[in-house]
Amino acid sequence: MKVLKPWPLGWKAKIGVLIPAVDTGYCSYEFRVLCPEGVVTLETRVAMGALTLENLKKMRGDALHGARLLAAASPDVITYEATAAGFVLGVEGDAALIREIEETTGVRATTGATSVAASLAALGVQRVSVYAATSQEVTDYTIRYLRDRGFSVDDHLSVCFGHASEGFRMSPWELYGEVVKFHRRCPGVQAVFIAGGCFRTLEMIDALEKNLEIPIVATVPANMYQCLKIAGIREPVSGYGRLLEGPR
């Protein structure tokens, strides 16, 4: 019989995650894998359908409702995980949502979009390429957001998934191969951003970094990086890329 550890879950920190309702378990799994000892994730789902601009913008209202639910469990930080849903709000709209969550719940907050920008800055990256799950219309908002935050987006590719479930069905090693091919188009960048929590990255991100010899920023690790930083958790998370192994 398995014996539970003698301390309560989340004795170091509790991270609240507003996760898209369409997640079939991979995104949840990745957050749990990236938790250092003593850190736990708490989830509330946010309504999400097809990856359209209209649906992504609609998610904002449900995110506030979800944040109120998460606040009942006293998390140390709340993240609105979906990167595209933050990018479509623009820099000012994304920052306004963070403020509103914090004012509504009394809990410090971040978003996937803000977390990606913070991750790129922490890695010292200025020039980046973007491999995105979204349509070109939505990816254009991603590019605009990053450029407005001071980054140079030198190349991008929109995979154009109609629904996030298409990404969950893509194996990590298939994704690995596609990103390697994409990177050959623009080898001079300082990092690749794999945009989309539906992409399964954890199994291969370390190998991909070693192959390309540059950092890889992905949605879930970027969210976790920023949440751990806000919560004051300094210990490295090894085996999943330079970002989480580095200082916070």
Protein backbone atom coordinates (compact mmCIF):
# COMPACT_ATOMS: atom_id res chain seq x y z
CA MET A 1 0.00 0.00 0.00
CA LYS A 2 1.33 3.42 -0.93
CA VAL A 3 1.96 5.66 2.09
CA LEU A 4 1.21 9.36 1.74
CA LYS A 5 3.92 11.83 2.68
CA PRO A 6 3.46 13.32 6.15
CA TRP A 7 3.14 16.95 5.11
CA PRO A 8 0.20 18.70 3.40
CA LEU A 9 0.19 19.20 -0.34
CA GLY A 10 1.41 22.62 -1.39
CA TRP A 11 3.38 23.28 1.78
CA LYS A 12 5.75 25.49 -0.25
CA ALA A 13 3.29 26.96 -2.72
CA LYS A 14 -0.07 26.43 -4.39
CA ILE A 15 -0.35 27.48 -8.01
CA GLY A 16 -3.82 28.16 -9.41
CA VAL A 17 -4.18 27.40 -13.13
CA LEU A 18 -7.01 28.61 -15.34
CA ILE A 19 -6.86 25.88 -17.95
CA PRO A 20 -8.84 25.63 -21.22
CA ALA A 21 -11.84 23.32 -20.87
CA VAL A 22 -10.78 21.33 -23.95
CA ASP A 23 -7.60 20.03 -22.29
CA THR A 24 -7.69 16.22 -22.34
CA GLY A 25 -5.11 15.79 -19.60
CA TYR A 26 -1.75 16.58 -21.18
CA CYS A 27 -1.63 20.20 -20.08
CA SER A 28 -2.65 19.24 -16.54
CA TYR A 29 -0.05 16.48 -16.56
CA GLU A 30 2.74 18.84 -17.66
CA PHE A 31 1.99 21.30 -14.86
CA ARG A 32 2.10 18.50 -12.29
CA VAL A 33 5.39 17.12 -13.66
CA LEU A 34 7.02 20.57 -13.41
CA CYS A 35 6.08 21.08 -9.74
CA PRO A 36 9.10 21.05 -7.41
CA GLU A 37 8.75 19.18 -4.11
CA GLY A 38 6.21 20.98 -1.94
CA VAL A 39 4.44 22.74 -4.82
CA VAL A 40 0.99 21.74 -6.05
CA THR A 41 -1.23 22.98 -8.88
CA LEU A 42 -4.94 23.71 -8.49
CA GLU A 43 -7.05 23.91 -11.65
CA THR A 44 -10.28 25.48 -12.78
CA ARG A 45 -11.38 25.13 -16.38
CA VAL A 46 -12.24 28.07 -18.62
CA ALA A 47 -14.74 27.71 -21.46
CA MET A 48 -13.03 27.24 -24.81
CA GLY A 49 -14.14 25.91 -28.17
CA ALA A 50 -12.53 26.12 -31.57
CA LEU A 51 -9.32 28.16 -31.86
CA THR A 52 -11.01 31.17 -33.42
CA LEU A 53 -10.32 34.82 -32.66
CA GLU A 54 -13.90 35.27 -31.43
CA ASN A 55 -13.74 32.30 -29.03
CA LEU A 56 -10.35 33.32 -27.64
CA LYS A 57 -11.60 36.82 -26.84
CA LYS A 58 -14.75 35.43 -25.18
CA MET A 59 -12.64 33.41 -22.73
CA ARG A 60 -11.74 36.56 -20.78
CA GLY A 61 -15.06 36.78 -18.92
CA ASP A 62 -14.97 33.13 -17.89
CA ALA A 63 -11.38 33.57 -16.71
CA LEU A 64 -12.49 36.07 -14.10
CA HIS A 65 -15.19 33.68 -12.86
CA GLY A 66 -12.66 30.86 -12.72
CA ALA A 67 -10.18 33.01 -10.82
CA ARG A 68 -12.81 33.65 -8.13
CA LEU A 69 -13.32 29.89 -7.78
CA LEU A 70 -9.58 29.25 -7.53
CA ALA A 71 -9.20 31.96 -4.90
CA ALA A 72 -11.36 29.90 -2.51
CA ALA A 73 -8.46 27.40 -2.27
CA SER A 74 -5.99 30.17 -1.27
CA PRO A 75 -3.40 29.79 -4.04
CA ASP A 76 -0.21 31.84 -3.90
CA VAL A 77 -0.54 32.80 -7.57
CA ILE A 78 -3.07 32.37 -10.39
CA THR A 79 -2.16 32.03 -14.06
CA TYR A 80 -4.49 32.34 -17.05
CA GLU A 81 -2.57 29.63 -18.91
CA ALA A 82 -3.77 29.95 -22.52
CA THR A 83 -1.18 32.01 -24.38
CA ALA A 84 -3.26 32.82 -27.47
CA ALA A 85 -6.14 34.05 -25.29
CA GLY A 86 -3.75 36.55 -23.71
CA PHE A 87 -2.05 37.58 -26.94
CA VAL A 88 -5.35 38.53 -28.61
CA LEU A 89 -6.02 41.02 -25.78
CA GLY A 90 -2.86 42.95 -26.65
CA VAL A 91 -0.27 44.19 -24.16
CA GLU A 92 -2.57 46.66 -22.43
CA GLY A 93 -5.58 44.32 -22.39
CA ASP A 94 -3.50 41.46 -21.00
CA ALA A 95 -2.08 43.67 -18.24
CA ALA A 96 -5.60 44.91 -17.45
CA LEU A 97 -6.83 41.33 -17.02
CA ILE A 98 -4.00 40.57 -14.60
CA ARG A 99 -4.90 43.65 -12.54
CA GLU A 100 -8.57 42.70 -12.54
CA ILE A 101 -7.86 39.15 -11.37
CA GLU A 102 -5.63 40.48 -8.58
CA GLU A 103 -8.15 43.09 -7.49
CA THR A 104 -11.02 40.58 -7.59
CA THR A 105 -9.26 37.76 -5.75
CA GLY A 106 -6.51 39.37 -3.68
CA VAL A 107 -4.11 36.84 -5.25
CA ARG A 108 -1.12 37.73 -7.41
CA ALA A 109 -1.65 36.75 -11.04
CA THR A 110 -0.05 36.29 -14.43
CA THR A 111 -1.08 35.08 -17.87
CA GLY A 112 0.44 32.83 -20.49
CA ALA A 113 1.25 35.85 -22.64
CA THR A 114 2.98 37.76 -19.85
CA SER A 115 4.79 34.57 -18.77
CA VAL A 116 6.20 34.03 -22.26
CA ALA A 117 7.50 37.60 -22.41
CA ALA A 118 9.05 37.22 -18.94
CA SER A 119 10.63 33.91 -19.95
CA LEU A 120 12.21 35.32 -23.10
CA ALA A 121 13.57 38.26 -21.10
CA ALA A 122 14.97 35.95 -18.42
CA LEU A 123 16.82 33.99 -21.11
CA GLY A 124 18.28 37.17 -22.57
CA VAL A 125 16.47 36.59 -25.86
CA GLN A 126 15.71 39.42 -28.25
CA ARG A 127 15.26 37.62 -31.60
CA VAL A 128 12.74 34.76 -31.64
CA SER A 129 10.83 32.59 -34.09
CA VAL A 130 7.29 31.38 -33.37
CA TYR A 131 5.86 27.93 -34.13
CA ALA A 132 2.15 28.37 -33.38
CA ALA A 133 -0.86 26.07 -33.11
CA THR A 134 -3.21 28.83 -34.25
CA SER A 135 -4.48 30.23 -37.53
CA GLN A 136 -2.56 33.01 -39.24
CA GLU A 137 -5.16 35.52 -38.04
CA VAL A 138 -4.55 34.61 -34.39
CA THR A 139 -0.79 34.20 -34.83
CA ASP A 140 -0.66 37.79 -36.11
CA TYR A 141 -1.83 38.87 -32.64
CA THR A 142 0.95 36.77 -31.07
CA ILE A 143 3.55 38.48 -33.25
CA ARG A 144 2.13 41.94 -32.53
CA TYR A 145 2.12 41.29 -28.78
CA LEU A 146 5.74 40.12 -28.74
CA ARG A 147 6.90 43.02 -30.89
CA ASP A 148 5.04 45.47 -28.68
CA ARG A 149 6.95 43.96 -25.75
CA GLY A 150 10.23 44.73 -27.55
CA PHE A 151 11.06 41.37 -29.13
CA SER A 152 11.97 40.77 -32.77
CA VAL A 153 9.94 37.97 -34.38
CA ASP A 154 12.14 36.92 -37.28
CA ASP A 155 10.02 34.03 -38.57
CA HIS A 156 6.79 32.21 -37.77
CA LEU A 157 4.69 29.26 -38.83
CA SER A 158 0.97 28.80 -38.17
CA VAL A 159 -0.03 25.13 -37.97
CA CYS A 160 -3.68 26.21 -38.13
CA PHE A 161 -5.28 23.67 -35.79
CA GLY A 162 -9.04 24.20 -35.81
CA HIS A 163 -9.29 22.76 -32.30
CA ALA A 164 -6.75 22.21 -29.52
CA SER A 165 -7.50 18.47 -29.53
CA GLU A 166 -5.55 18.22 -32.80
CA GLY A 167 -2.43 19.32 -30.96
CA PHE A 168 -2.92 16.83 -28.13
CA ARG A 169 -2.90 14.02 -30.73
CA MET A 170 0.53 15.11 -32.04
CA SER A 171 3.32 13.14 -30.38
CA PRO A 172 6.22 15.04 -28.75
CA TRP A 173 8.66 13.51 -31.23
CA GLU A 174 6.56 14.45 -34.25
CA LEU A 175 6.56 18.01 -32.88
CA TYR A 176 10.32 17.77 -32.39
CA GLY A 177 10.83 16.94 -36.06
CA GLU A 178 8.53 19.71 -37.25
CA VAL A 179 10.25 22.36 -35.13
CA VAL A 180 13.70 21.23 -36.35
CA LYS A 181 12.50 21.67 -39.96
CA PHE A 182 10.96 25.04 -39.11
CA HIS A 183 14.17 26.26 -37.44
CA ARG A 184 16.18 25.58 -40.59
CA ARG A 185 14.26 28.43 -42.25
CA CYS A 186 15.62 30.99 -39.78
CA PRO A 187 18.66 29.61 -37.94
CA GLY A 188 19.85 33.01 -36.69
CA VAL A 189 17.24 33.46 -33.95
CA GLN A 190 18.14 33.26 -30.25
CA ALA A 191 15.16 31.08 -29.26
CA VAL A 192 12.12 29.28 -30.62
CA PHE A 193 8.74 29.87 -28.99
CA ILE A 194 6.39 26.87 -29.36
CA ALA A 195 3.06 28.65 -28.92
CA GLY A 196 0.20 26.52 -27.66
CA GLY A 197 -0.55 24.57 -24.51
CA CYS A 198 -1.93 21.81 -26.74
CA PHE A 199 1.61 20.99 -27.88
CA ARG A 200 3.25 18.19 -25.88
CA THR A 201 6.77 19.43 -25.23
CA LEU A 202 8.11 18.02 -21.96
CA GLU A 203 9.38 14.72 -23.29
CA MET A 204 11.54 16.36 -25.94
CA ILE A 205 12.29 19.96 -24.97
CA ASP A 206 15.70 19.19 -23.46
CA ALA A 207 16.77 17.16 -26.52
CA LEU A 208 15.48 19.87 -28.87
CA GLU A 209 17.50 22.55 -27.09
CA LYS A 210 20.66 20.44 -27.35
CA ASN A 211 20.04 19.84 -31.06
CA LEU A 212 19.30 23.46 -31.99
CA GLU A 213 21.74 24.90 -29.40
CA ILE A 214 19.29 27.62 -28.38
CA PRO A 215 16.59 27.88 -25.69
CA ILE A 216 13.07 26.63 -26.39
CA VAL A 217 10.19 28.48 -24.73
CA ALA A 218 6.87 26.62 -24.55
CA THR A 219 3.50 27.56 -23.07
CA VAL A 220 3.34 25.38 -19.94
CA PRO A 221 7.01 25.72 -18.88
CA ALA A 222 6.76 29.50 -19.36
CA ASN A 223 3.65 29.65 -17.18
CA MET A 224 5.34 27.53 -14.53
CA TYR A 225 8.49 29.65 -14.61
CA GLN A 226 6.57 32.85 -13.93
CA CYS A 227 4.31 31.28 -11.29
CA LEU A 228 7.28 29.85 -9.37
CA LYS A 229 9.01 33.22 -9.58
CA ILE A 230 5.98 35.06 -8.21
CA ALA A 231 5.52 32.45 -5.47
CA GLY A 232 9.16 32.82 -4.43
CA ILE A 233 10.21 29.25 -5.31
CA ARG A 234 13.87 29.47 -6.36
CA GLU A 235 14.95 25.85 -6.72
CA PRO A 236 15.64 24.67 -10.27
CA VAL A 237 13.46 22.18 -12.14
CA SER A 238 15.86 19.96 -14.08
CA GLY A 239 15.41 18.04 -17.30
CA TYR A 240 12.88 20.32 -19.03
CA GLY A 241 14.96 23.05 -20.62
CA ARG A 242 17.17 25.98 -19.70
CA LEU A 243 14.37 28.24 -18.56
CA LEU A 244 13.31 26.19 -15.53
CA GLU A 245 16.86 25.15 -14.70
CA GLY A 246 18.03 28.76 -14.50
CA PRO A 247 17.66 31.38 -11.76
CA ARG A 248 14.38 33.09 -10.93
